[in-house]
Amino acid sequence: MASPIQSKARLRTQTGCLKCRKRRKKCDEVKPQCKGCIRNGLECTWPTAADLIADRRRAPLSWKSQPSLPEVLSGLSLQHADYVTLLSHFVDSICPRIVRRECRPEYFNHEYMLRLAYVCPPLMAVIIAVAAFDKETPRYDRLAMESYQFSLHNLRARIARAANAGNDDALLATTVFLCVFEVS
């Protein structure tokens, strides 16, 4: 009899031992030696934490084609006219202040953050909240709080659903910007 609870399918090359990843085979991830390596008489080795971090940094964002910033902004269903103003404020004023001057030039590229925000509503909401709060204008106070609350609520739900939340740049960025909002 099939179990009513089914686990999420995992990408074969993203998890598991190095041999299964190299062979592009599903790994049962049993340590110290997975069943696939036992069955095939292979030495089962596992990636180190440094390998996993390097893999995450090399992995491209899952876009069929990488849209430019104007395409990202035009694709948003902006229900509030101030969102474009606040996103521009985030890019022009906030991003330069949160990246250290000594960092490599590619860290100043705000497009990656906006692409993440486009596919992660909690991140987009907290970016709007931070930008609205930073404007120090009473007309943005309510929008800042509503966006913050939306982000917090949806981040909690997204983490609860995520099997691999520790490897999600959008969740990490959302958490960081929630902290930025809190200390502002």
Protein backbone atom coordinates (compact mmCIF):
# COMPACT_ATOMS: atom_id res chain seq x y z
CA MET A 1 0.00 0.00 0.00
CA ALA A 2 1.36 3.40 -1.00
CA SER A 3 2.08 5.90 1.70
CA PRO A 4 -0.27 8.91 1.64
CA ILE A 5 2.70 11.16 2.41
CA GLN A 6 5.04 11.52 -0.54
CA SER A 7 8.39 13.19 -0.26
CA LYS A 8 9.43 15.93 -2.63
CA ALA A 9 11.48 14.75 -5.58
CA ARG A 10 15.05 15.99 -5.52
CA LEU A 11 17.22 16.84 -8.46
CA ARG A 12 19.67 14.02 -9.05
CA THR A 13 22.72 16.20 -9.49
CA GLN A 14 22.06 18.60 -6.64
CA THR A 15 22.18 16.25 -3.68
CA GLY A 16 23.77 12.97 -2.71
CA CYS A 17 27.26 11.54 -2.72
CA LEU A 18 29.85 12.68 -5.24
CA LYS A 19 29.78 9.40 -7.20
CA CYS A 20 25.99 9.52 -7.68
CA ARG A 21 26.19 13.18 -8.64
CA LYS A 22 28.96 12.50 -11.15
CA ARG A 23 27.02 9.56 -12.60
CA ARG A 24 23.80 11.66 -12.51
CA LYS A 25 22.01 8.96 -10.55
CA LYS A 26 19.50 9.30 -7.73
CA CYS A 27 21.24 8.87 -4.38
CA ASP A 28 19.43 7.62 -1.29
CA GLU A 29 21.84 9.79 0.75
CA VAL A 30 22.47 7.14 3.40
CA LYS A 31 25.80 7.85 5.07
CA PRO A 32 28.56 6.76 5.21
CA GLN A 33 27.86 4.68 2.08
CA CYS A 34 24.76 4.99 -0.10
CA LYS A 35 23.03 1.94 -1.55
CA GLY A 36 23.96 2.93 -5.12
CA CYS A 37 27.68 2.89 -4.33
CA ILE A 38 27.35 -0.39 -2.38
CA ARG A 39 25.43 -1.99 -5.27
CA ASN A 40 28.02 -0.84 -7.85
CA GLY A 41 31.09 -1.44 -5.69
CA LEU A 42 32.11 2.22 -5.69
CA GLU A 43 33.86 4.24 -3.01
CA CYS A 44 31.19 6.54 -1.59
CA THR A 45 32.47 10.07 -0.89
CA TRP A 46 30.49 13.06 0.24
CA PRO A 47 30.93 16.76 -0.59
CA THR A 48 32.44 18.96 2.09
CA ALA A 49 30.72 22.10 3.33
CA ALA A 50 33.13 24.14 1.18
CA ASP A 51 32.07 22.13 -1.90
CA LEU A 52 28.40 22.82 -1.20
CA ILE A 53 29.03 26.56 -0.80
CA ALA A 54 31.07 26.66 -4.02
CA ASP A 55 28.30 24.77 -5.88
CA ARG A 56 25.71 27.25 -4.66
CA ARG A 57 27.79 30.23 -5.77
CA ARG A 58 28.36 28.73 -9.23
CA ALA A 59 24.73 27.75 -9.74
CA PRO A 60 22.90 30.14 -12.03
CA LEU A 61 19.57 31.55 -11.01
CA SER A 62 16.84 29.45 -12.57
CA TRP A 63 15.80 31.71 -15.43
CA LYS A 64 15.41 30.49 -19.00
CA SER A 65 17.03 33.75 -20.05
CA GLN A 66 18.39 36.39 -17.74
CA PRO A 67 16.16 39.45 -18.17
CA SER A 68 17.51 42.93 -17.73
CA LEU A 69 16.40 45.13 -14.85
CA PRO A 70 13.73 46.93 -16.92
CA GLU A 71 12.27 43.55 -17.97
CA VAL A 72 12.16 42.41 -14.35
CA LEU A 73 10.36 45.57 -13.28
CA SER A 74 7.94 45.51 -16.21
CA GLY A 75 7.03 41.90 -15.40
CA LEU A 76 5.88 42.79 -11.90
CA SER A 77 2.18 43.18 -11.38
CA LEU A 78 2.51 46.48 -9.59
CA GLN A 79 -0.70 47.05 -7.70
CA HIS A 80 0.71 50.11 -6.02
CA ALA A 81 2.09 53.00 -8.09
CA ASP A 82 4.74 53.71 -5.46
CA TYR A 83 6.42 50.31 -5.89
CA VAL A 84 8.44 51.46 -8.90
CA THR A 85 9.57 54.54 -7.00
CA LEU A 86 10.53 52.42 -4.00
CA LEU A 87 12.38 49.82 -6.09
CA SER A 88 14.34 52.63 -7.73
CA HIS A 89 15.12 54.06 -4.29
CA PHE A 90 16.29 50.62 -3.16
CA VAL A 91 18.62 50.30 -6.18
CA ASP A 92 19.92 53.87 -6.17
CA SER A 93 20.16 54.60 -2.46
CA ILE A 94 20.00 51.47 -0.32
CA CYS A 95 22.08 48.99 -2.33
CA PRO A 96 25.15 51.26 -2.43
CA ARG A 97 24.98 51.67 1.36
CA ILE A 98 24.75 47.97 2.21
CA VAL A 99 27.69 46.77 0.11
CA ARG A 100 31.17 47.54 1.42
CA ARG A 101 33.31 49.72 -0.85
CA GLU A 102 36.19 47.21 -0.75
CA CYS A 103 34.04 44.46 -2.28
CA ARG A 104 34.55 43.18 -5.78
CA PRO A 105 32.62 45.12 -8.45
CA GLU A 106 30.23 42.25 -9.20
CA TYR A 107 28.78 42.56 -5.69
CA PHE A 108 27.46 45.97 -6.65
CA ASN A 109 25.23 44.39 -9.30
CA HIS A 110 21.73 44.85 -7.91
CA GLU A 111 20.06 42.86 -10.70
CA TYR A 112 20.68 39.51 -9.00
CA MET A 113 18.86 40.69 -5.88
CA LEU A 114 15.95 41.98 -7.95
CA ARG A 115 15.75 38.72 -9.90
CA LEU A 116 15.57 36.86 -6.59
CA ALA A 117 12.88 39.26 -5.41
CA TYR A 118 10.88 38.70 -8.59
CA VAL A 119 10.59 34.97 -7.83
CA CYS A 120 10.30 35.33 -4.04
CA PRO A 121 7.37 37.49 -2.88
CA PRO A 122 8.63 37.72 0.74
CA LEU A 123 11.92 39.20 -0.53
CA MET A 124 10.15 41.67 -2.82
CA ALA A 125 7.91 42.73 0.06
CA VAL A 126 10.77 43.33 2.49
CA ILE A 127 12.70 45.28 -0.17
CA ILE A 128 9.63 47.50 -0.57
CA ALA A 129 9.35 47.78 3.23
CA VAL A 130 13.00 48.77 3.68
CA ALA A 131 12.82 51.31 0.85
CA ALA A 132 9.54 52.77 2.13
CA PHE A 133 10.88 53.09 5.67
CA ASP A 134 14.13 54.60 4.40
CA LYS A 135 12.22 57.35 2.57
CA GLU A 136 11.17 58.74 5.99
CA THR A 137 7.93 60.02 4.52
CA PRO A 138 4.67 59.55 6.46
CA ARG A 139 2.84 58.54 3.29
CA TYR A 140 5.02 55.39 3.07
CA ASP A 141 4.72 54.34 6.73
CA ARG A 142 1.66 52.14 6.27
CA LEU A 143 3.04 50.55 3.10
CA ALA A 144 6.31 49.81 4.92
CA MET A 145 4.53 48.03 7.78
CA GLU A 146 2.13 46.11 5.52
CA SER A 147 5.00 44.96 3.31
CA TYR A 148 7.06 43.97 6.34
CA GLN A 149 4.19 41.95 7.81
CA PHE A 150 3.49 40.28 4.46
CA SER A 151 7.16 39.35 4.14
CA LEU A 152 7.39 37.97 7.66
CA HIS A 153 4.22 35.90 7.34
CA ASN A 154 5.12 34.51 3.91
CA LEU A 155 8.74 33.82 4.84
CA ARG A 156 7.55 31.73 7.78
CA ALA A 157 5.26 29.74 5.46
CA ARG A 158 7.98 29.35 2.83
CA ILE A 159 10.50 28.05 5.38
CA ALA A 160 7.94 25.58 6.71
CA ARG A 161 7.45 24.22 3.17
CA ALA A 162 11.12 24.23 2.17
CA ALA A 163 12.95 20.94 2.43
CA ASN A 164 16.27 22.57 1.60
CA ALA A 165 15.79 26.09 2.97
CA GLY A 166 19.44 26.44 3.96
CA ASN A 167 20.46 26.55 0.30
CA ASP A 168 18.06 29.26 -0.82
CA ASP A 169 19.64 32.66 -1.49
CA ALA A 170 16.22 34.33 -1.63
CA LEU A 171 15.31 33.13 1.87
CA LEU A 172 18.67 34.24 3.21
CA ALA A 173 18.34 37.66 1.57
CA THR A 174 14.80 38.02 2.92
CA THR A 175 16.01 37.25 6.43
CA VAL A 176 18.86 39.75 6.13
CA PHE A 177 16.54 42.51 4.92
CA LEU A 178 14.04 41.74 7.67
CA CYS A 179 16.92 42.38 10.10
CA VAL A 180 17.79 45.61 8.24
CA PHE A 181 14.18 46.72 8.62
CA GLU A 182 14.17 45.86 12.33
CA VAL A 183 17.31 47.85 13.12
CA SER A 184 16.34 50.86 10.98
